[in-house]
Amino acid sequence: MGFAVAWVYLVIAGFLEVAWAYAMKQSDGFTRPWPTIITISAMVGSVGLLALAMRAIPLSTAYPIWTGIGAVGAFLIGVTILGEQATAARIMAATLIIAGLVMMKVSSSS
């Protein structure tokens, strides 16, 4: 697998993490069948793609980027779709996470 393909897998895995987090919220504690099925499917896909990406990307880069995409994505879904608060402090925190992700990518040696 090429290095660029690994990064595509990693980004898709991150987006699937956002999808499962949102679906889990919609599942109402796993009491609603379709959101529960979507949650489990997206979790399996996310972890599977992360595992494939880590064939070429070091753990110390891949895992923080995967979780960072999930964290920022969940924040954005919470604010834009679920109507959660977007305070200055929360926006700054998300911005710092993004800065960390960029630094992880830029400083990745492989």
PDB file of N, CA and C in Angstrom:
ATOM      1  N   MET A   1       0.854  -1.176   0.000  1.00  0.00           N
ATOM      2  CA  MET A   1       0.000   0.000   0.000  1.00  0.00           C
ATOM      3  C   MET A   1       0.893   1.230   0.000  1.00  0.00           C
ATOM      4  N   GLY A   2       0.519   2.207  -0.804  1.00  0.00           N
ATOM      5  CA  GLY A   2       1.272   3.440  -0.860  1.00  0.00           C
ATOM      6  C   GLY A   2       0.971   4.344   0.327  1.00  0.00           C
ATOM      7  N   PHE A   3       1.908   5.234   0.567  1.00  0.00           N
ATOM      8  CA  PHE A   3       1.778   6.165   1.685  1.00  0.00           C
ATOM      9  C   PHE A   3       0.560   7.074   1.519  1.00  0.00           C
ATOM     10  N   ALA A   4       0.305   7.540   0.284  1.00  0.00           N
ATOM     11  CA  ALA A   4      -0.849   8.419   0.036  1.00  0.00           C
ATOM     12  C   ALA A   4      -2.161   7.679   0.294  1.00  0.00           C
ATOM     13  N   VAL A   5      -2.218   6.420  -0.098  1.00  0.00           N
ATOM     14  CA  VAL A   5      -3.423   5.617   0.136  1.00  0.00           C
ATOM     15  C   VAL A   5      -3.660   5.462   1.633  1.00  0.00           C
ATOM     16  N   ALA A   6      -2.594   5.275   2.390  1.00  0.00           N
ATOM     17  CA  ALA A   6      -2.719   5.144   3.840  1.00  0.00           C
ATOM     18  C   ALA A   6      -3.334   6.408   4.441  1.00  0.00           C
ATOM     19  N   TRP A   7      -2.941   7.556   3.937  1.00  0.00           N
ATOM     20  CA  TRP A   7      -3.502   8.811   4.446  1.00  0.00           C
ATOM     21  C   TRP A   7      -4.979   8.948   4.076  1.00  0.00           C
ATOM     22  N   VAL A   8      -5.346   8.485   2.897  1.00  0.00           N
ATOM     23  CA  VAL A   8      -6.765   8.500   2.507  1.00  0.00           C
ATOM     24  C   VAL A   8      -7.553   7.601   3.461  1.00  0.00           C
ATOM     25  N   TYR A   9      -7.027   6.404   3.727  1.00  0.00           N
ATOM     26  CA  TYR A   9      -7.684   5.503   4.680  1.00  0.00           C
ATOM     27  C   TYR A   9      -7.830   6.162   6.049  1.00  0.00           C
ATOM     28  N   LEU A  10      -6.787   6.844   6.488  1.00  0.00           N
ATOM     29  CA  LEU A  10      -6.813   7.473   7.803  1.00  0.00           C
ATOM     30  C   LEU A  10      -7.876   8.566   7.877  1.00  0.00           C
ATOM     31  N   VAL A  11      -7.975   9.381   6.855  1.00  0.00           N
ATOM     32  CA  VAL A  11      -8.979  10.455   6.850  1.00  0.00           C
ATOM     33  C   VAL A  11     -10.391   9.869   6.808  1.00  0.00           C
ATOM     34  N   ILE A  12     -10.609   8.860   5.988  1.00  0.00           N
ATOM     35  CA  ILE A  12     -11.922   8.218   5.940  1.00  0.00           C
ATOM     36  C   ILE A  12     -12.241   7.582   7.290  1.00  0.00           C
ATOM     37  N   ALA A  13     -11.251   6.948   7.918  1.00  0.00           N
ATOM     38  CA  ALA A  13     -11.451   6.367   9.247  1.00  0.00           C
ATOM     39  C   ALA A  13     -11.870   7.437  10.245  1.00  0.00           C
ATOM     40  N   GLY A  14     -11.266   8.617  10.153  1.00  0.00           N
ATOM     41  CA  GLY A  14     -11.638   9.728  11.029  1.00  0.00           C
ATOM     42  C   GLY A  14     -13.069  10.184  10.796  1.00  0.00           C
ATOM     43  N   PHE A  15     -13.463  10.266   9.535  1.00  0.00           N
ATOM     44  CA  PHE A  15     -14.846  10.661   9.230  1.00  0.00           C
ATOM     45  C   PHE A  15     -15.840   9.606   9.721  1.00  0.00           C
ATOM     46  N   LEU A  16     -15.469   8.350   9.599  1.00  0.00           N
ATOM     47  CA  LEU A  16     -16.341   7.292  10.122  1.00  0.00           C
ATOM     48  C   LEU A  16     -16.447   7.368  11.640  1.00  0.00           C
ATOM     49  N   GLU A  17     -15.384   7.836  12.288  1.00  0.00           N
ATOM     50  CA  GLU A  17     -15.461   8.029  13.740  1.00  0.00           C
ATOM     51  C   GLU A  17     -16.497   9.092  14.089  1.00  0.00           C
ATOM     52  N   VAL A  18     -16.524  10.155  13.305  1.00  0.00           N
ATOM     53  CA  VAL A  18     -17.536  11.196  13.506  1.00  0.00           C
ATOM     54  C   VAL A  18     -18.927  10.616  13.271  1.00  0.00           C
ATOM     55  N   ALA A  19     -19.062   9.820  12.217  1.00  0.00           N
ATOM     56  CA  ALA A  19     -20.364   9.219  11.896  1.00  0.00           C
ATOM     57  C   ALA A  19     -20.858   8.336  13.023  1.00  0.00           C
ATOM     58  N   TRP A  20     -19.968   7.491  13.584  1.00  0.00           N
ATOM     59  CA  TRP A  20     -20.441   6.600  14.646  1.00  0.00           C
ATOM     60  C   TRP A  20     -20.747   7.369  15.915  1.00  0.00           C
ATOM     61  N   ALA A  21     -20.023   8.434  16.179  1.00  0.00           N
ATOM     62  CA  ALA A  21     -20.323   9.220  17.375  1.00  0.00           C
ATOM     63  C   ALA A  21     -21.704   9.859  17.264  1.00  0.00           C
ATOM     64  N   TYR A  22     -21.999  10.410  16.085  1.00  0.00           N
ATOM     65  CA  TYR A  22     -23.314  11.025  15.871  1.00  0.00           C
ATOM     66  C   TYR A  22     -24.418   9.969  15.909  1.00  0.00           C
ATOM     67  N   ALA A  23     -24.187   8.834  15.239  1.00  0.00           N
ATOM     68  CA  ALA A  23     -25.192   7.766  15.235  1.00  0.00           C
ATOM     69  C   ALA A  23     -25.421   7.231  16.644  1.00  0.00           C
ATOM     70  N   MET A  24     -24.350   7.157  17.440  1.00  0.00           N
ATOM     71  CA  MET A  24     -24.515   6.685  18.813  1.00  0.00           C
ATOM     72  C   MET A  24     -25.396   7.641  19.607  1.00  0.00           C
ATOM     73  N   LYS A  25     -25.220   8.933  19.398  1.00  0.00           N
ATOM     74  CA  LYS A  25     -26.074   9.917  20.068  1.00  0.00           C
ATOM     75  C   LYS A  25     -27.532   9.708  19.639  1.00  0.00           C
ATOM     76  N   GLN A  26     -27.732   9.442  18.359  1.00  0.00           N
ATOM     77  CA  GLN A  26     -29.077   9.238  17.830  1.00  0.00           C
ATOM     78  C   GLN A  26     -29.682   7.905  18.255  1.00  0.00           C
ATOM     79  N   SER A  27     -28.848   6.964  18.686  1.00  0.00           N
ATOM     80  CA  SER A  27     -29.348   5.641  19.061  1.00  0.00           C
ATOM     81  C   SER A  27     -30.086   5.643  20.398  1.00  0.00           C
ATOM     82  N   ASP A  28     -29.970   6.737  21.137  1.00  0.00           N
ATOM     83  CA  ASP A  28     -30.639   6.861  22.441  1.00  0.00           C
ATOM     84  C   ASP A  28     -30.277   5.695  23.353  1.00  0.00           C
ATOM     85  N   GLY A  29     -28.953   5.544  23.557  1.00  0.00           N
ATOM     86  CA  GLY A  29     -28.488   4.465  24.430  1.00  0.00           C
ATOM     87  C   GLY A  29     -28.690   3.087  23.829  1.00  0.00           C
ATOM     88  N   PHE A  30     -28.542   2.986  22.523  1.00  0.00           N
ATOM     89  CA  PHE A  30     -28.703   1.732  21.777  1.00  0.00           C
ATOM     90  C   PHE A  30     -30.120   1.163  21.880  1.00  0.00           C
ATOM     91  N   THR A  31     -31.104   2.041  22.018  1.00  0.00           N
ATOM     92  CA  THR A  31     -32.494   1.592  22.060  1.00  0.00           C
ATOM     93  C   THR A  31     -33.189   1.739  20.707  1.00  0.00           C
ATOM     94  N   ARG A  32     -32.575   2.459  19.778  1.00  0.00           N
ATOM     95  CA  ARG A  32     -33.139   2.618  18.434  1.00  0.00           C
ATOM     96  C   ARG A  32     -32.302   1.789  17.463  1.00  0.00           C
ATOM     97  N   PRO A  33     -32.953   0.849  16.750  1.00  0.00           N
ATOM     98  CA  PRO A  33     -32.192  -0.126  15.958  1.00  0.00           C
ATOM     99  C   PRO A  33     -31.325   0.463  14.840  1.00  0.00           C
ATOM    100  N   TRP A  34     -31.866   1.326  13.988  1.00  0.00           N
ATOM    101  CA  TRP A  34     -31.079   1.792  12.841  1.00  0.00           C
ATOM    102  C   TRP A  34     -29.873   2.618  13.252  1.00  0.00           C
ATOM    103  N   PRO A  35     -30.022   3.585  14.145  1.00  0.00           N
ATOM    104  CA  PRO A  35     -28.806   4.286  14.582  1.00  0.00           C
ATOM    105  C   PRO A  35     -27.797   3.357  15.261  1.00  0.00           C
ATOM    106  N   THR A  36     -28.279   2.331  15.951  1.00  0.00           N
ATOM    107  CA  THR A  36     -27.382   1.364  16.582  1.00  0.00           C
ATOM    108  C   THR A  36     -26.607   0.586  15.528  1.00  0.00           C
ATOM    109  N   ILE A  37     -27.280   0.151  14.478  1.00  0.00           N
ATOM    110  CA  ILE A  37     -26.630  -0.584  13.388  1.00  0.00           C
ATOM    111  C   ILE A  37     -25.602   0.304  12.695  1.00  0.00           C
ATOM    112  N   ILE A  38     -25.971   1.564  12.457  1.00  0.00           N
ATOM    113  CA  ILE A  38     -25.042   2.504  11.827  1.00  0.00           C
ATOM    114  C   ILE A  38     -23.828   2.727  12.728  1.00  0.00           C
ATOM    115  N   THR A  39     -24.056   2.862  14.032  1.00  0.00           N
ATOM    116  CA  THR A  39     -22.953   3.057  14.980  1.00  0.00           C
ATOM    117  C   THR A  39     -21.965   1.907  14.895  1.00  0.00           C
ATOM    118  N   ILE A  40     -22.455   0.689  14.998  1.00  0.00           N
ATOM    119  CA  ILE A  40     -21.577  -0.483  15.006  1.00  0.00           C
ATOM    120  C   ILE A  40     -20.853  -0.627  13.667  1.00  0.00           C
ATOM    121  N   SER A  41     -21.568  -0.415  12.572  1.00  0.00           N
ATOM    122  CA  SER A  41     -20.950  -0.532  11.244  1.00  0.00           C
ATOM    123  C   SER A  41     -19.855   0.510  11.051  1.00  0.00           C
ATOM    124  N   ALA A  42     -20.143   1.741  11.445  1.00  0.00           N
ATOM    125  CA  ALA A  42     -19.147   2.805  11.290  1.00  0.00           C
ATOM    126  C   ALA A  42     -17.947   2.571  12.206  1.00  0.00           C
ATOM    127  N   MET A  43     -18.179   2.025  13.398  1.00  0.00           N
ATOM    128  CA  MET A  43     -17.067   1.710  14.301  1.00  0.00           C
ATOM    129  C   MET A  43     -16.139   0.673  13.676  1.00  0.00           C
ATOM    130  N   VAL A  44     -16.727  -0.389  13.155  1.00  0.00           N
ATOM    131  CA  VAL A  44     -15.925  -1.455  12.540  1.00  0.00           C
ATOM    132  C   VAL A  44     -15.150  -0.892  11.340  1.00  0.00           C
ATOM    133  N   GLY A  45     -15.825  -0.118  10.503  1.00  0.00           N
ATOM    134  CA  GLY A  45     -15.150   0.477   9.349  1.00  0.00           C
ATOM    135  C   GLY A  45     -14.038   1.427   9.753  1.00  0.00           C
ATOM    136  N   SER A  46     -14.292   2.227  10.766  1.00  0.00           N
ATOM    137  CA  SER A  46     -13.309   3.197  11.225  1.00  0.00           C
ATOM    138  C   SER A  46     -12.057   2.517  11.764  1.00  0.00           C
ATOM    139  N   VAL A  47     -12.244   1.562  12.639  1.00  0.00           N
ATOM    140  CA  VAL A  47     -11.101   0.859  13.229  1.00  0.00           C
ATOM    141  C   VAL A  47     -10.374   0.030  12.165  1.00  0.00           C
ATOM    142  N   GLY A  48     -11.135  -0.576  11.259  1.00  0.00           N
ATOM    143  CA  GLY A  48     -10.520  -1.352  10.186  1.00  0.00           C
ATOM    144  C   GLY A  48      -9.642  -0.496   9.289  1.00  0.00           C
ATOM    145  N   LEU A  49     -10.141   0.666   8.894  1.00  0.00           N
ATOM    146  CA  LEU A  49      -9.337   1.557   8.048  1.00  0.00           C
ATOM    147  C   LEU A  49      -8.151   2.130   8.808  1.00  0.00           C
ATOM    148  N   LEU A  50      -8.339   2.404  10.093  1.00  0.00           N
ATOM    149  CA  LEU A  50      -7.211   2.857  10.907  1.00  0.00           C
ATOM    150  C   LEU A  50      -6.115   1.795  10.916  1.00  0.00           C
ATOM    151  N   ALA A  51      -6.504   0.541  11.087  1.00  0.00           N
ATOM    152  CA  ALA A  51      -5.522  -0.549  11.095  1.00  0.00           C
ATOM    153  C   ALA A  51      -4.778  -0.630   9.767  1.00  0.00           C
ATOM    154  N   LEU A  52      -5.493  -0.481   8.668  1.00  0.00           N
ATOM    155  CA  LEU A  52      -4.838  -0.496   7.357  1.00  0.00           C
ATOM    156  C   LEU A  52      -3.892   0.687   7.206  1.00  0.00           C
ATOM    157  N   ALA A  53      -4.325   1.860   7.633  1.00  0.00           N
ATOM    158  CA  ALA A  53      -3.486   3.056   7.525  1.00  0.00           C
ATOM    159  C   ALA A  53      -2.204   2.900   8.330  1.00  0.00           C
ATOM    160  N   MET A  54      -2.307   2.216   9.477  1.00  0.00           N
ATOM    161  CA  MET A  54      -1.139   2.077  10.340  1.00  0.00           C
ATOM    162  C   MET A  54      -0.109   1.085   9.793  1.00  0.00           C
ATOM    163  N   ARG A  55      -0.399   0.456   8.672  1.00  0.00           N
ATOM    164  CA  ARG A  55       0.632  -0.336   7.993  1.00  0.00           C
ATOM    165  C   ARG A  55       1.735   0.581   7.471  1.00  0.00           C
ATOM    166  N   ALA A  56       1.359   1.818   7.119  1.00  0.00           N
ATOM    167  CA  ALA A  56       2.318   2.745   6.514  1.00  0.00           C
ATOM    168  C   ALA A  56       2.566   3.997   7.351  1.00  0.00           C
ATOM    169  N   ILE A  57       1.645   4.324   8.237  1.00  0.00           N
ATOM    170  CA  ILE A  57       1.773   5.534   9.045  1.00  0.00           C
ATOM    171  C   ILE A  57       2.074   5.117  10.484  1.00  0.00           C
ATOM    172  N   PRO A  58       3.071   5.731  11.117  1.00  0.00           N
ATOM    173  CA  PRO A  58       3.401   5.351  12.491  1.00  0.00           C
ATOM    174  C   PRO A  58       2.225   5.564  13.450  1.00  0.00           C
ATOM    175  N   LEU A  59       2.150   4.705  14.458  1.00  0.00           N
ATOM    176  CA  LEU A  59       1.116   4.822  15.490  1.00  0.00           C
ATOM    177  C   LEU A  59       1.094   6.221  16.095  1.00  0.00           C
ATOM    178  N   SER A  60       2.265   6.761  16.372  1.00  0.00           N
ATOM    179  CA  SER A  60       2.354   8.067  17.034  1.00  0.00           C
ATOM    180  C   SER A  60       1.824   9.204  16.177  1.00  0.00           C
ATOM    181  N   THR A  61       1.622   8.962  14.903  1.00  0.00           N
ATOM    182  CA  THR A  61       1.008   9.951  14.008  1.00  0.00           C
ATOM    183  C   THR A  61      -0.444   9.576  13.720  1.00  0.00           C
ATOM    184  N   ALA A  62      -0.678   8.320  13.358  1.00  0.00           N
ATOM    185  CA  ALA A  62      -2.008   7.893  12.912  1.00  0.00           C
ATOM    186  C   ALA A  62      -3.070   8.024  13.995  1.00  0.00           C
ATOM    187  N   TYR A  63      -2.770   7.519  15.184  1.00  0.00           N
ATOM    188  CA  TYR A  63      -3.797   7.509  16.229  1.00  0.00           C
ATOM    189  C   TYR A  63      -4.207   8.914  16.665  1.00  0.00           C
ATOM    190  N   PRO A  64      -3.265   9.828  16.925  1.00  0.00           N
ATOM    191  CA  PRO A  64      -3.694  11.190  17.290  1.00  0.00           C
ATOM    192  C   PRO A  64      -4.489  11.884  16.186  1.00  0.00           C
ATOM    193  N   ILE A  65      -4.119  11.649  14.935  1.00  0.00           N
ATOM    194  CA  ILE A  65      -4.866  12.281  13.844  1.00  0.00           C
ATOM    195  C   ILE A  65      -6.270  11.696  13.753  1.00  0.00           C
ATOM    196  N   TRP A  66      -6.379  10.383  13.901  1.00  0.00           N
ATOM    197  CA  TRP A  66      -7.690   9.727  13.870  1.00  0.00           C
ATOM    198  C   TRP A  66      -8.594  10.272  14.975  1.00  0.00           C
ATOM    199  N   THR A  67      -8.071  10.317  16.185  1.00  0.00           N
ATOM    200  CA  THR A  67      -8.894  10.819  17.296  1.00  0.00           C
ATOM    201  C   THR A  67      -9.162  12.308  17.163  1.00  0.00           C
ATOM    202  N   GLY A  68      -8.209  13.043  16.618  1.00  0.00           N
ATOM    203  CA  GLY A  68      -8.408  14.484  16.435  1.00  0.00           C
ATOM    204  C   GLY A  68      -9.503  14.787  15.421  1.00  0.00           C
ATOM    205  N   ILE A  69      -9.508  14.048  14.310  1.00  0.00           N
ATOM    206  CA  ILE A  69     -10.582  14.218  13.324  1.00  0.00           C
ATOM    207  C   ILE A  69     -11.922  13.921  13.991  1.00  0.00           C
ATOM    208  N   GLY A  70     -11.947  12.844  14.776  1.00  0.00           N
ATOM    209  CA  GLY A  70     -13.182  12.491  15.484  1.00  0.00           C
ATOM    210  C   GLY A  70     -13.617  13.559  16.467  1.00  0.00           C
ATOM    211  N   ALA A  71     -12.670  14.102  17.222  1.00  0.00           N
ATOM    212  CA  ALA A  71     -13.000  15.108  18.235  1.00  0.00           C
ATOM    213  C   ALA A  71     -13.512  16.393  17.605  1.00  0.00           C
ATOM    214  N   VAL A  72     -12.804  16.889  16.614  1.00  0.00           N
ATOM    215  CA  VAL A  72     -13.224  18.134  15.969  1.00  0.00           C
ATOM    216  C   VAL A  72     -14.513  17.913  15.184  1.00  0.00           C
ATOM    217  N   GLY A  73     -14.610  16.786  14.506  1.00  0.00           N
ATOM    218  CA  GLY A  73     -15.830  16.486  13.756  1.00  0.00           C
ATOM    219  C   GLY A  73     -17.040  16.367  14.659  1.00  0.00           C
ATOM    220  N   ALA A  74     -16.886  15.699  15.793  1.00  0.00           N
ATOM    221  CA  ALA A  74     -17.993  15.575  16.748  1.00  0.00           C
ATOM    222  C   ALA A  74     -18.379  16.941  17.307  1.00  0.00           C
ATOM    223  N   PHE A  75     -17.387  17.781  17.558  1.00  0.00           N
ATOM    224  CA  PHE A  75     -17.665  19.146  18.016  1.00  0.00           C
ATOM    225  C   PHE A  75     -18.490  19.896  16.962  1.00  0.00           C
ATOM    226  N   LEU A  76     -18.065  19.806  15.708  1.00  0.00           N
ATOM    227  CA  LEU A  76     -18.782  20.520  14.638  1.00  0.00           C
ATOM    228  C   LEU A  76     -20.205  19.994  14.458  1.00  0.00           C
ATOM    229  N   ILE A  77     -20.392  18.684  14.521  1.00  0.00           N
ATOM    230  CA  ILE A  77     -21.739  18.107  14.430  1.00  0.00           C
ATOM    231  C   ILE A  77     -22.582  18.563  15.611  1.00  0.00           C
ATOM    232  N   GLY A  78     -21.993  18.545  16.793  1.00  0.00           N
ATOM    233  CA  GLY A  78     -22.723  18.981  17.985  1.00  0.00           C
ATOM    234  C   GLY A  78     -23.203  20.414  17.869  1.00  0.00           C
ATOM    235  N   VAL A  79     -22.338  21.277  17.372  1.00  0.00           N
ATOM    236  CA  VAL A  79     -22.683  22.697  17.269  1.00  0.00           C
ATOM    237  C   VAL A  79     -23.653  22.951  16.116  1.00  0.00           C
ATOM    238  N   THR A  80     -23.363  22.380  14.944  1.00  0.00           N
ATOM    239  CA  THR A  80     -24.162  22.713  13.759  1.00  0.00           C
ATOM    240  C   THR A  80     -25.474  21.951  13.657  1.00  0.00           C
ATOM    241  N   ILE A  81     -25.493  20.702  14.096  1.00  0.00           N
ATOM    242  CA  ILE A  81     -26.694  19.881  13.926  1.00  0.00           C
ATOM    243  C   ILE A  81     -27.486  19.738  15.231  1.00  0.00           C
ATOM    244  N   LEU A  82     -26.766  19.571  16.334  1.00  0.00           N
ATOM    245  CA  LEU A  82     -27.449  19.315  17.601  1.00  0.00           C
ATOM    246  C   LEU A  82     -27.691  20.578  18.436  1.00  0.00           C
ATOM    247  N   GLY A  83     -27.223  21.712  17.953  1.00  0.00           N
ATOM    248  CA  GLY A  83     -27.486  22.971  18.643  1.00  0.00           C
ATOM    249  C   GLY A  83     -26.724  23.162  19.945  1.00  0.00           C
ATOM    250  N   GLU A  84     -25.585  22.487  20.090  1.00  0.00           N
ATOM    251  CA  GLU A  84     -24.782  22.651  21.295  1.00  0.00           C
ATOM    252  C   GLU A  84     -24.052  23.997  21.258  1.00  0.00           C
ATOM    253  N   GLN A  85     -23.586  24.454  22.408  1.00  0.00           N
ATOM    254  CA  GLN A  85     -22.954  25.764  22.507  1.00  0.00           C
ATOM    255  C   GLN A  85     -21.628  25.829  21.762  1.00  0.00           C
ATOM    256  N   ALA A  86     -21.403  26.971  21.138  1.00  0.00           N
ATOM    257  CA  ALA A  86     -20.131  27.246  20.466  1.00  0.00           C
ATOM    258  C   ALA A  86     -19.492  28.451  21.144  1.00  0.00           C
ATOM    259  N   THR A  87     -19.033  28.265  22.355  1.00  0.00           N
ATOM    260  CA  THR A  87     -18.405  29.359  23.088  1.00  0.00           C
ATOM    261  C   THR A  87     -17.008  29.631  22.528  1.00  0.00           C
ATOM    262  N   ALA A  88     -16.483  30.781  22.858  1.00  0.00           N
ATOM    263  CA  ALA A  88     -15.143  31.141  22.391  1.00  0.00           C
ATOM    264  C   ALA A  88     -14.112  30.116  22.872  1.00  0.00           C
ATOM    265  N   ALA A  89     -14.239  29.659  24.105  1.00  0.00           N
ATOM    266  CA  ALA A  89     -13.285  28.690  24.647  1.00  0.00           C
ATOM    267  C   ALA A  89     -13.367  27.358  23.900  1.00  0.00           C
ATOM    268  N   ARG A  90     -14.558  26.905  23.566  1.00  0.00           N
ATOM    269  CA  ARG A  90     -14.710  25.636  22.841  1.00  0.00           C
ATOM    270  C   ARG A  90     -14.179  25.759  21.413  1.00  0.00           C
ATOM    271  N   ILE A  91     -14.412  26.898  20.788  1.00  0.00           N
ATOM    272  CA  ILE A  91     -13.888  27.124  19.432  1.00  0.00           C
ATOM    273  C   ILE A  91     -12.364  27.170  19.472  1.00  0.00           C
ATOM    274  N   MET A  92     -11.805  27.814  20.486  1.00  0.00           N
ATOM    275  CA  MET A  92     -10.345  27.860  20.629  1.00  0.00           C
ATOM    276  C   MET A  92      -9.790  26.452  20.853  1.00  0.00           C
ATOM    277  N   ALA A  93     -10.459  25.652  21.658  1.00  0.00           N
ATOM    278  CA  ALA A  93     -10.005  24.279  21.904  1.00  0.00           C
ATOM    279  C   ALA A  93      -9.996  23.483  20.601  1.00  0.00           C
ATOM    280  N   ALA A  94     -11.053  23.598  19.808  1.00  0.00           N
ATOM    281  CA  ALA A  94     -11.109  22.889  18.524  1.00  0.00           C
ATOM    282  C   ALA A  94     -10.005  23.384  17.590  1.00  0.00           C
ATOM    283  N   THR A  95      -9.749  24.671  17.608  1.00  0.00           N
ATOM    284  CA  THR A  95      -8.685  25.251  16.783  1.00  0.00           C
ATOM    285  C   THR A  95      -7.320  24.691  17.188  1.00  0.00           C
ATOM    286  N   LEU A  96      -7.100  24.563  18.483  1.00  0.00           N
ATOM    287  CA  LEU A  96      -5.834  24.000  18.957  1.00  0.00           C
ATOM    288  C   LEU A  96      -5.685  22.532  18.561  1.00  0.00           C
ATOM    289  N   ILE A  97      -6.789  21.794  18.580  1.00  0.00           N
ATOM    290  CA  ILE A  97      -6.735  20.397  18.126  1.00  0.00           C
ATOM    291  C   ILE A  97      -6.341  20.345  16.652  1.00  0.00           C
ATOM    292  N   ILE A  98      -6.950  21.203  15.844  1.00  0.00           N
ATOM    293  CA  ILE A  98      -6.625  21.251  14.413  1.00  0.00           C
ATOM    294  C   ILE A  98      -5.156  21.611  14.217  1.00  0.00           C
ATOM    295  N   ALA A  99      -4.665  22.582  14.979  1.00  0.00           N
ATOM    296  CA  ALA A  99      -3.249  22.953  14.880  1.00  0.00           C
ATOM    297  C   ALA A  99      -2.365  21.758  15.224  1.00  0.00           C
ATOM    298  N   GLY A 100      -2.745  21.005  16.232  1.00  0.00           N
ATOM    299  CA  GLY A 100      -1.988  19.808  16.594  1.00  0.00           C
ATOM    300  C   GLY A 100      -1.997  18.766  15.491  1.00  0.00           C
ATOM    301  N   LEU A 101      -3.142  18.603  14.834  1.00  0.00           N
ATOM    302  CA  LEU A 101      -3.234  17.640  13.726  1.00  0.00           C
ATOM    303  C   LEU A 101      -2.317  18.046  12.582  1.00  0.00           C
ATOM    304  N   VAL A 102      -2.319  19.326  12.265  1.00  0.00           N
ATOM    305  CA  VAL A 102      -1.454  19.818  11.192  1.00  0.00           C
ATOM    306  C   VAL A 102       0.012  19.582  11.553  1.00  0.00           C
ATOM    307  N   MET A 103       0.371  19.865  12.791  1.00  0.00           N
ATOM    308  CA  MET A 103       1.749  19.646  13.225  1.00  0.00           C
ATOM    309  C   MET A 103       2.126  18.164  13.166  1.00  0.00           C
ATOM    310  N   MET A 104       1.186  17.274  13.538  1.00  0.00           N
ATOM    311  CA  MET A 104       1.452  15.840  13.454  1.00  0.00           C
ATOM    312  C   MET A 104       1.736  15.435  12.006  1.00  0.00           C
ATOM    313  N   LYS A 105       0.939  15.935  11.085  1.00  0.00           N
ATOM    314  CA  LYS A 105       1.127  15.598   9.676  1.00  0.00           C
ATOM    315  C   LYS A 105       2.433  16.170   9.145  1.00  0.00           C
ATOM    316  N   VAL A 106       2.682  17.429   9.431  1.00  0.00           N
ATOM    317  CA  VAL A 106       3.881  18.084   8.917  1.00  0.00           C
ATOM    318  C   VAL A 106       5.154  17.461   9.488  1.00  0.00           C
ATOM    319  N   SER A 107       5.098  17.057  10.743  1.00  0.00           N
ATOM    320  CA  SER A 107       6.304  16.529  11.375  1.00  0.00           C
ATOM    321  C   SER A 107       6.457  15.018  11.219  1.00  0.00           C
ATOM    322  N   SER A 108       5.516  14.378  10.540  1.00  0.00           N
ATOM    323  CA  SER A 108       5.604  12.933  10.335  1.00  0.00           C
ATOM    324  C   SER A 108       6.811  12.614   9.455  1.00  0.00           C
ATOM    325  N   SER A 109       7.647  11.717   9.933  1.00  0.00           N
ATOM    326  CA  SER A 109       8.879  11.400   9.198  1.00  0.00           C
ATOM    327  C   SER A 109       8.683  10.389   8.089  1.00  0.00           C
ATOM    328  N   SER A 110       7.548   9.648   8.124  1.00  0.00           N
ATOM    329  CA  SER A 110       7.371   8.659   7.053  1.00  0.00           C
ATOM    330  C   SER A 110       6.191   9.003   6.194  1.00  0.00           C
TER     331      SER A 110
END
